[in-house]
PDB file of N, CA and C in Angstrom:
ATOM      1  N   MET A   1     -34.033 -21.838 -33.368  1.00  0.00           N
ATOM      2  CA  MET A   1     -34.625 -21.480 -32.328  1.00  0.00           C
ATOM      3  C   MET A   1     -34.026 -22.014 -31.038  1.00  0.00           C
ATOM      4  N   GLU A   2     -33.915 -23.417 -31.262  1.00  0.00           N
ATOM      5  CA  GLU A   2     -33.424 -24.271 -30.076  1.00  0.00           C
ATOM      6  C   GLU A   2     -31.923 -23.979 -29.711  1.00  0.00           C
ATOM      7  N   THR A   3     -31.294 -23.394 -30.711  1.00  0.00           N
ATOM      8  CA  THR A   3     -29.920 -23.054 -30.468  1.00  0.00           C
ATOM      9  C   THR A   3     -29.750 -21.870 -29.549  1.00  0.00           C
ATOM     10  N   LEU A   4     -30.706 -20.865 -29.854  1.00  0.00           N
ATOM     11  CA  LEU A   4     -30.933 -19.532 -28.959  1.00  0.00           C
ATOM     12  C   LEU A   4     -31.247 -19.819 -27.630  1.00  0.00           C
ATOM     13  N   LEU A   5     -32.140 -20.783 -27.501  1.00  0.00           N
ATOM     14  CA  LEU A   5     -32.837 -21.109 -26.106  1.00  0.00           C
ATOM     15  C   LEU A   5     -31.604 -21.693 -25.276  1.00  0.00           C
ATOM     16  N   GLN A   6     -30.729 -22.549 -25.919  1.00  0.00           N
ATOM     17  CA  GLN A   6     -29.572 -23.329 -25.271  1.00  0.00           C
ATOM     18  C   GLN A   6     -28.602 -22.167 -24.852  1.00  0.00           C
ATOM     19  N   GLY A   7     -28.344 -21.120 -25.541  1.00  0.00           N
ATOM     20  CA  GLY A   7     -27.323 -20.116 -25.390  1.00  0.00           C
ATOM     21  C   GLY A   7     -28.053 -19.281 -24.264  1.00  0.00           C
ATOM     22  N   LEU A   8     -29.187 -18.965 -24.098  1.00  0.00           N
ATOM     23  CA  LEU A   8     -29.875 -18.348 -22.979  1.00  0.00           C
ATOM     24  C   LEU A   8     -29.685 -19.057 -21.770  1.00  0.00           C
ATOM     25  N   VAL A   9     -29.985 -20.476 -21.873  1.00  0.00           N
ATOM     26  CA  VAL A   9     -29.914 -21.206 -20.646  1.00  0.00           C
ATOM     27  C   VAL A   9     -28.263 -21.124 -20.156  1.00  0.00           C
ATOM     28  N   LEU A  10     -27.419 -21.355 -21.144  1.00  0.00           N
ATOM     29  CA  LEU A  10     -25.984 -21.242 -20.707  1.00  0.00           C
ATOM     30  C   LEU A  10     -25.681 -19.984 -20.044  1.00  0.00           C
ATOM     31  N   LEU A  11     -26.215 -18.874 -20.777  1.00  0.00           N
ATOM     32  CA  LEU A  11     -25.979 -17.485 -20.368  1.00  0.00           C
ATOM     33  C   LEU A  11     -26.251 -17.361 -18.772  1.00  0.00           C
ATOM     34  N   VAL A  12     -27.753 -17.778 -18.356  1.00  0.00           N
ATOM     35  CA  VAL A  12     -28.180 -17.591 -17.243  1.00  0.00           C
ATOM     36  C   VAL A  12     -27.667 -18.508 -16.174  1.00  0.00           C
ATOM     37  N   SER A  13     -27.123 -19.645 -16.493  1.00  0.00           N
ATOM     38  CA  SER A  13     -26.428 -20.525 -15.657  1.00  0.00           C
ATOM     39  C   SER A  13     -25.102 -20.014 -15.326  1.00  0.00           C
ATOM     40  N   GLY A  14     -24.534 -19.536 -16.360  1.00  0.00           N
ATOM     41  CA  GLY A  14     -23.134 -19.012 -16.077  1.00  0.00           C
ATOM     42  C   GLY A  14     -22.932 -17.808 -15.259  1.00  0.00           C
ATOM     43  N   MET A  15     -23.925 -16.780 -15.461  1.00  0.00           N
ATOM     44  CA  MET A  15     -24.019 -15.700 -14.670  1.00  0.00           C
ATOM     45  C   MET A  15     -24.384 -16.102 -13.293  1.00  0.00           C
ATOM     46  N   GLY A  16     -25.247 -16.935 -13.089  1.00  0.00           N
ATOM     47  CA  GLY A  16     -25.657 -17.525 -11.702  1.00  0.00           C
ATOM     48  C   GLY A  16     -24.580 -18.096 -10.939  1.00  0.00           C
ATOM     49  N   ILE A  17     -23.721 -18.832 -11.615  1.00  0.00           N
ATOM     50  CA  ILE A  17     -22.625 -19.396 -10.885  1.00  0.00           C
ATOM     51  C   ILE A  17     -21.750 -18.210 -10.546  1.00  0.00           C
ATOM     52  N   VAL A  18     -21.345 -17.214 -11.381  1.00  0.00           N
ATOM     53  CA  VAL A  18     -20.366 -16.210 -11.121  1.00  0.00           C
ATOM     54  C   VAL A  18     -20.953 -15.461  -9.842  1.00  0.00           C
ATOM     55  N   TYR A  19     -22.308 -15.141  -9.928  1.00  0.00           N
ATOM     56  CA  TYR A  19     -22.895 -14.288  -8.881  1.00  0.00           C
ATOM     57  C   TYR A  19     -22.844 -15.147  -7.504  1.00  0.00           C
ATOM     58  N   LEU A  20     -23.056 -16.394  -7.606  1.00  0.00           N
ATOM     59  CA  LEU A  20     -22.915 -17.386  -6.288  1.00  0.00           C
ATOM     60  C   LEU A  20     -21.545 -17.163  -5.879  1.00  0.00           C
ATOM     61  N   PHE A  21     -20.492 -17.417  -6.741  1.00  0.00           N
ATOM     62  CA  PHE A  21     -19.097 -17.404  -6.254  1.00  0.00           C
ATOM     63  C   PHE A  21     -18.751 -16.007  -5.689  1.00  0.00           C
ATOM     64  N   LEU A  22     -19.255 -14.896  -6.400  1.00  0.00           N
ATOM     65  CA  LEU A  22     -18.968 -13.534  -5.715  1.00  0.00           C
ATOM     66  C   LEU A  22     -19.587 -13.372  -4.361  1.00  0.00           C
ATOM     67  N   THR A  23     -20.765 -13.953  -4.261  1.00  0.00           N
ATOM     68  CA  THR A  23     -21.444 -13.750  -2.877  1.00  0.00           C
ATOM     69  C   THR A  23     -20.751 -14.547  -1.973  1.00  0.00           C
ATOM     70  N   LEU A  24     -20.404 -15.733  -2.245  1.00  0.00           N
ATOM     71  CA  LEU A  24     -19.607 -16.557  -1.327  1.00  0.00           C
ATOM     72  C   LEU A  24     -18.198 -15.870  -0.929  1.00  0.00           C
ATOM     73  N   LEU A  25     -17.591 -15.329  -1.864  1.00  0.00           N
ATOM     74  CA  LEU A  25     -16.366 -14.685  -1.651  1.00  0.00           C
ATOM     75  C   LEU A  25     -16.542 -13.491  -0.660  1.00  0.00           C
ATOM     76  N   VAL A  26     -17.403 -12.577  -0.909  1.00  0.00           N
ATOM     77  CA  VAL A  26     -17.684 -11.557  -0.031  1.00  0.00           C
ATOM     78  C   VAL A  26     -18.020 -12.122   1.467  1.00  0.00           C
ATOM     79  N   TRP A  27     -18.782 -13.250   1.495  1.00  0.00           N
ATOM     80  CA  TRP A  27     -19.095 -13.689   2.648  1.00  0.00           C
ATOM     81  C   TRP A  27     -17.872 -14.269   3.511  1.00  0.00           C
ATOM     82  N   VAL A  28     -17.095 -14.855   2.839  1.00  0.00           N
ATOM     83  CA  VAL A  28     -15.899 -15.519   3.452  1.00  0.00           C
ATOM     84  C   VAL A  28     -14.983 -14.347   3.872  1.00  0.00           C
ATOM     85  N   VAL A  29     -14.731 -13.316   3.170  1.00  0.00           N
ATOM     86  CA  VAL A  29     -13.895 -12.200   3.421  1.00  0.00           C
ATOM     87  C   VAL A  29     -14.613 -11.405   4.841  1.00  0.00           C
ATOM     88  N   ASN A  30     -15.705 -11.267   4.830  1.00  0.00           N
ATOM     89  CA  ASN A  30     -16.431 -10.551   5.907  1.00  0.00           C
ATOM     90  C   ASN A  30     -16.180 -11.383   7.171  1.00  0.00           C
ATOM     91  N   ARG A  31     -16.366 -12.693   7.077  1.00  0.00           N
ATOM     92  CA  ARG A  31     -16.121 -13.515   8.357  1.00  0.00           C
ATOM     93  C   ARG A  31     -14.569 -13.584   8.615  1.00  0.00           C
ATOM     94  N   SER A  32     -13.778 -13.634   7.776  1.00  0.00           N
ATOM     95  CA  SER A  32     -12.468 -13.620   8.177  1.00  0.00           C
ATOM     96  C   SER A  32     -11.904 -12.424   8.674  1.00  0.00           C
ATOM     97  N   ALA A  33     -12.551 -11.352   8.259  1.00  0.00           N
ATOM     98  CA  ALA A  33     -12.238  -9.938   8.781  1.00  0.00           C
ATOM     99  C   ALA A  33     -12.667  -9.897  10.295  1.00  0.00           C
ATOM    100  N   ALA A  34     -13.750 -10.577  10.656  1.00  0.00           N
ATOM    101  CA  ALA A  34     -14.261 -10.757  12.067  1.00  0.00           C
ATOM    102  C   ALA A  34     -13.473 -11.757  12.898  1.00  0.00           C
ATOM    103  N   ILE A  35     -12.892 -12.615  12.264  1.00  0.00           N
ATOM    104  CA  ILE A  35     -12.176 -13.725  13.056  1.00  0.00           C
ATOM    105  C   ILE A  35     -10.692 -13.419  13.249  1.00  0.00           C
ATOM    106  N   VAL A  36      -9.971 -12.800  12.269  1.00  0.00           N
ATOM    107  CA  VAL A  36      -8.477 -12.528  12.123  1.00  0.00           C
ATOM    108  C   VAL A  36      -8.008 -11.798  13.484  1.00  0.00           C
ATOM    109  N   PRO A  37      -8.804 -10.629  13.622  1.00  0.00           N
ATOM    110  CA  PRO A  37      -8.299  -9.900  14.965  1.00  0.00           C
ATOM    111  C   PRO A  37      -8.266 -10.479  16.188  1.00  0.00           C
ATOM    112  N   LYS A  38      -9.107 -11.632  16.288  1.00  0.00           N
ATOM    113  CA  LYS A  38      -9.013 -12.449  17.582  1.00  0.00           C
ATOM    114  C   LYS A  38      -7.593 -13.227  17.721  1.00  0.00           C
ATOM    115  N   PHE A  39      -6.851 -13.398  16.621  1.00  0.00           N
ATOM    116  CA  PHE A  39      -5.670 -14.056  16.709  1.00  0.00           C
ATOM    117  C   PHE A  39      -4.527 -13.276  16.289  1.00  0.00           C
ATOM    118  N   ASN A  40      -4.792 -11.755  16.469  1.00  0.00           N
ATOM    119  CA  ASN A  40      -3.668 -10.919  16.352  1.00  0.00           C
ATOM    120  C   ASN A  40      -2.462 -10.953  17.262  1.00  0.00           C
ATOM    121  N   TYR A  41      -2.764 -11.614  18.383  1.00  0.00           N
ATOM    122  CA  TYR A  41      -1.804 -11.726  19.423  1.00  0.00           C
ATOM    123  C   TYR A  41      -0.650 -12.716  19.014  1.00  0.00           C
ATOM    124  N   ILE A  42      -0.926 -13.683  18.073  1.00  0.00           N
ATOM    125  CA  ILE A  42       0.106 -14.475  17.576  1.00  0.00           C
ATOM    126  C   ILE A  42       1.041 -13.903  16.833  1.00  0.00           C
ATOM    127  N   LEU A  43       0.772 -12.900  15.941  1.00  0.00           N
ATOM    128  CA  LEU A  43       1.757 -12.216  14.996  1.00  0.00           C
ATOM    129  C   LEU A  43       1.425 -10.808  14.981  1.00  0.00           C
ATOM    130  N   PRO A  44       1.562 -10.095  15.932  1.00  0.00           N
ATOM    131  CA  PRO A  44       1.130  -8.603  16.063  1.00  0.00           C
ATOM    132  C   PRO A  44       2.026  -7.879  15.036  1.00  0.00           C
ATOM    133  N   ASP A  45       1.403  -6.730  14.529  1.00  0.00           N
ATOM    134  CA  ASP A  45       2.032  -5.920  13.767  1.00  0.00           C
ATOM    135  C   ASP A  45       3.157  -4.996  14.418  1.00  0.00           C
ATOM    136  N   GLU A  46       4.055  -4.660  13.682  1.00  0.00           N
ATOM    137  CA  GLU A  46       5.149  -3.719  14.117  1.00  0.00           C
ATOM    138  C   GLU A  46       4.498  -2.540  14.306  1.00  0.00           C
ATOM    139  N   GLU A  47       4.968  -1.688  15.285  1.00  0.00           N
ATOM    140  CA  GLU A  47       4.644  -0.362  15.519  1.00  0.00           C
ATOM    141  C   GLU A  47       5.409   0.525  14.497  1.00  0.00           C
ATOM    142  N   PRO A  48       4.708   1.568  13.958  1.00  0.00           N
ATOM    143  CA  PRO A  48       5.382   2.253  12.795  1.00  0.00           C
ATOM    144  C   PRO A  48       6.579   3.101  13.607  1.00  0.00           C
ATOM    145  N   LYS A  49       7.624   3.193  12.768  1.00  0.00           N
ATOM    146  CA  LYS A  49       8.721   3.991  13.283  1.00  0.00           C
ATOM    147  C   LYS A  49       8.425   5.456  13.099  1.00  0.00           C
ATOM    148  N   LYS A  50       8.820   6.040  14.202  1.00  0.00           N
ATOM    149  CA  LYS A  50       8.625   7.652  14.323  1.00  0.00           C
ATOM    150  C   LYS A  50       9.673   8.325  13.345  1.00  0.00           C
ATOM    151  N   LYS A  51       9.159   9.230  12.628  1.00  0.00           N
ATOM    152  CA  LYS A  51       9.938   9.920  11.716  1.00  0.00           C
ATOM    153  C   LYS A  51      10.684  11.134  12.631  1.00  0.00           C
ATOM    154  N   LYS A  52      11.834  11.412  12.293  1.00  0.00           N
ATOM    155  CA  LYS A  52      12.601  12.309  13.001  1.00  0.00           C
ATOM    156  C   LYS A  52      12.115  13.885  12.440  1.00  0.00           C
ATOM    157  N   SER A  53      12.073  14.541  13.379  1.00  0.00           N
ATOM    158  CA  SER A  53      11.787  15.997  13.087  1.00  0.00           C
ATOM    159  C   SER A  53      12.797  16.609  12.216  1.00  0.00           C
ATOM    160  N   PRO A  54      12.538  17.858  11.583  1.00  0.00           N
ATOM    161  CA  PRO A  54      13.583  18.412  10.789  1.00  0.00           C
ATOM    162  C   PRO A  54      14.776  18.934  11.663  1.00  0.00           C
ATOM    163  N   VAL A  55      14.398  19.513  12.954  1.00  0.00           N
ATOM    164  CA  VAL A  55      15.425  19.862  13.809  1.00  0.00           C
ATOM    165  C   VAL A  55      16.320  18.815  14.258  1.00  0.00           C
ATOM    166  N   GLN A  56      15.733  17.693  14.695  1.00  0.00           N
ATOM    167  CA  GLN A  56      16.643  16.694  15.142  1.00  0.00           C
ATOM    168  C   GLN A  56      17.510  16.120  13.957  1.00  0.00           C
ATOM    169  N   ALA A  57      16.971  16.145  12.629  1.00  0.00           N
ATOM    170  CA  ALA A  57      17.736  15.652  11.510  1.00  0.00           C
ATOM    171  C   ALA A  57      18.884  16.781  11.295  1.00  0.00           C
ATOM    172  N   ARG A  58      18.493  17.985  11.383  1.00  0.00           N
ATOM    173  CA  ARG A  58      19.644  19.151  11.247  1.00  0.00           C
ATOM    174  C   ARG A  58      20.661  18.838  12.282  1.00  0.00           C
ATOM    175  N   THR A  59      20.412  18.465  13.607  1.00  0.00           N
ATOM    176  CA  THR A  59      21.535  18.663  14.529  1.00  0.00           C
ATOM    177  C   THR A  59      22.305  17.296  14.334  1.00  0.00           C
ATOM    178  N   GLN A  60      21.947  16.360  13.498  1.00  0.00           N
ATOM    179  CA  GLN A  60      22.787  15.196  13.284  1.00  0.00           C
ATOM    180  C   GLN A  60      23.556  15.334  12.104  1.00  0.00           C
ATOM    181  N   VAL A  61      23.694  16.322  11.383  1.00  0.00           N
ATOM    182  CA  VAL A  61      24.514  16.716  10.313  1.00  0.00           C
ATOM    183  C   VAL A  61      25.934  17.079  10.782  1.00  0.00           C
ATOM    184  N   SER A  62      26.905  16.370  10.276  1.00  0.00           N
ATOM    185  CA  SER A  62      28.342  16.699  10.925  1.00  0.00           C
ATOM    186  C   SER A  62      28.726  17.975  10.427  1.00  0.00           C
ATOM    187  N   GLY A  63      30.057  18.493  10.898  1.00  0.00           N
ATOM    188  CA  GLY A  63      30.529  19.539  10.386  1.00  0.00           C
ATOM    189  C   GLY A  63      31.008  19.565   9.115  1.00  0.00           C
ATOM    190  N   GLN A  64      31.527  18.397   8.786  1.00  0.00           N
ATOM    191  CA  GLN A  64      32.070  18.149   7.365  1.00  0.00           C
ATOM    192  C   GLN A  64      31.226  18.347   6.378  1.00  0.00           C
ATOM    193  N   GLU A  65      29.885  17.904   6.546  1.00  0.00           N
ATOM    194  CA  GLU A  65      28.916  18.284   5.493  1.00  0.00           C
ATOM    195  C   GLU A  65      28.519  19.418   5.411  1.00  0.00           C
ATOM    196  N   ASP A  66      28.511  20.240   6.462  1.00  0.00           N
ATOM    197  CA  ASP A  66      28.206  21.642   6.417  1.00  0.00           C
ATOM    198  C   ASP A  66      29.446  22.651   5.604  1.00  0.00           C
ATOM    199  N   LEU A  67      30.707  22.046   5.785  1.00  0.00           N
ATOM    200  CA  LEU A  67      31.718  22.468   5.085  1.00  0.00           C
ATOM    201  C   LEU A  67      31.727  22.370   3.707  1.00  0.00           C
ATOM    202  N   ALA A  68      31.411  21.216   3.368  1.00  0.00           N
ATOM    203  CA  ALA A  68      31.119  20.635   1.955  1.00  0.00           C
ATOM    204  C   ALA A  68      30.061  21.410   1.198  1.00  0.00           C
ATOM    205  N   VAL A  69      29.079  21.853   1.886  1.00  0.00           N
ATOM    206  CA  VAL A  69      27.965  22.744   1.316  1.00  0.00           C
ATOM    207  C   VAL A  69      28.595  23.997   1.108  1.00  0.00           C
ATOM    208  N   ALA A  70      29.214  24.549   2.109  1.00  0.00           N
ATOM    209  CA  ALA A  70      29.656  25.985   1.920  1.00  0.00           C
ATOM    210  C   ALA A  70      30.724  26.148   0.899  1.00  0.00           C
ATOM    211  N   VAL A  71      31.696  25.028   0.726  1.00  0.00           N
ATOM    212  CA  VAL A  71      32.450  25.211  -0.504  1.00  0.00           C
ATOM    213  C   VAL A  71      31.787  25.200  -1.792  1.00  0.00           C
ATOM    214  N   ALA A  72      30.737  24.324  -1.794  1.00  0.00           N
ATOM    215  CA  ALA A  72      29.930  24.345  -3.078  1.00  0.00           C
ATOM    216  C   ALA A  72      29.381  25.478  -3.350  1.00  0.00           C
ATOM    217  N   LEU A  73      28.777  26.311  -2.440  1.00  0.00           N
ATOM    218  CA  LEU A  73      28.161  27.421  -2.679  1.00  0.00           C
ATOM    219  C   LEU A  73      29.041  28.405  -3.147  1.00  0.00           C
ATOM    220  N   ALA A  74      30.298  28.399  -2.360  1.00  0.00           N
ATOM    221  CA  ALA A  74      31.496  29.571  -2.862  1.00  0.00           C
ATOM    222  C   ALA A  74      31.779  29.364  -4.128  1.00  0.00           C
ATOM    223  N   ALA A  75      31.880  28.046  -4.616  1.00  0.00           N
ATOM    224  CA  ALA A  75      32.479  27.825  -5.941  1.00  0.00           C
ATOM    225  C   ALA A  75      31.402  28.350  -7.032  1.00  0.00           C
ATOM    226  N   ALA A  76      30.142  28.093  -6.605  1.00  0.00           N
ATOM    227  CA  ALA A  76      29.003  28.436  -7.475  1.00  0.00           C
ATOM    228  C   ALA A  76      28.964  29.979  -7.632  1.00  0.00           C
ATOM    229  N   VAL A  77      29.152  30.717  -6.448  1.00  0.00           N
ATOM    230  CA  VAL A  77      29.044  32.209  -6.602  1.00  0.00           C
ATOM    231  C   VAL A  77      30.304  32.575  -7.382  1.00  0.00           C
ATOM    232  N   ALA A  78      31.517  32.127  -7.208  1.00  0.00           N
ATOM    233  CA  ALA A  78      32.689  32.553  -7.784  1.00  0.00           C
ATOM    234  C   ALA A  78      32.502  32.555  -9.252  1.00  0.00           C
ATOM    235  N   ARG A  79      32.039  31.184  -9.622  1.00  0.00           N
ATOM    236  CA  ARG A  79      32.041  31.045 -11.154  1.00  0.00           C
ATOM    237  C   ARG A  79      30.888  31.990 -11.799  1.00  0.00           C
ATOM    238  N   ALA A  80      29.872  32.363 -11.010  1.00  0.00           N
ATOM    239  CA  ALA A  80      28.823  33.177 -11.687  1.00  0.00           C
ATOM    240  C   ALA A  80      29.293  34.611 -11.823  1.00  0.00           C
ATOM    241  N   ARG A  81      30.412  34.971 -11.107  1.00  0.00           N
ATOM    242  CA  ARG A  81      30.913  36.271 -11.301  1.00  0.00           C
ATOM    243  C   ARG A  81      31.691  36.440 -12.596  1.00  0.00           C
TER     244      ARG A  81
END
């Protein structure tokens, strides 16, 4: 019976330590989330790059690429016949 009581004490103390550690971890993360933005001027985030619209991307395609696509399509149509 004494062994069972020791196991129960060990269980409760172990779970208590884990609970205290996780509580401390949550507290530290919340405090750092409040403090870190105050120092954001030191290492600011880069602005996200703007994606090109499909119209802009299409106008940048060279004539050589258009010609290659046309040749490939013509070859596919000719082979299908």
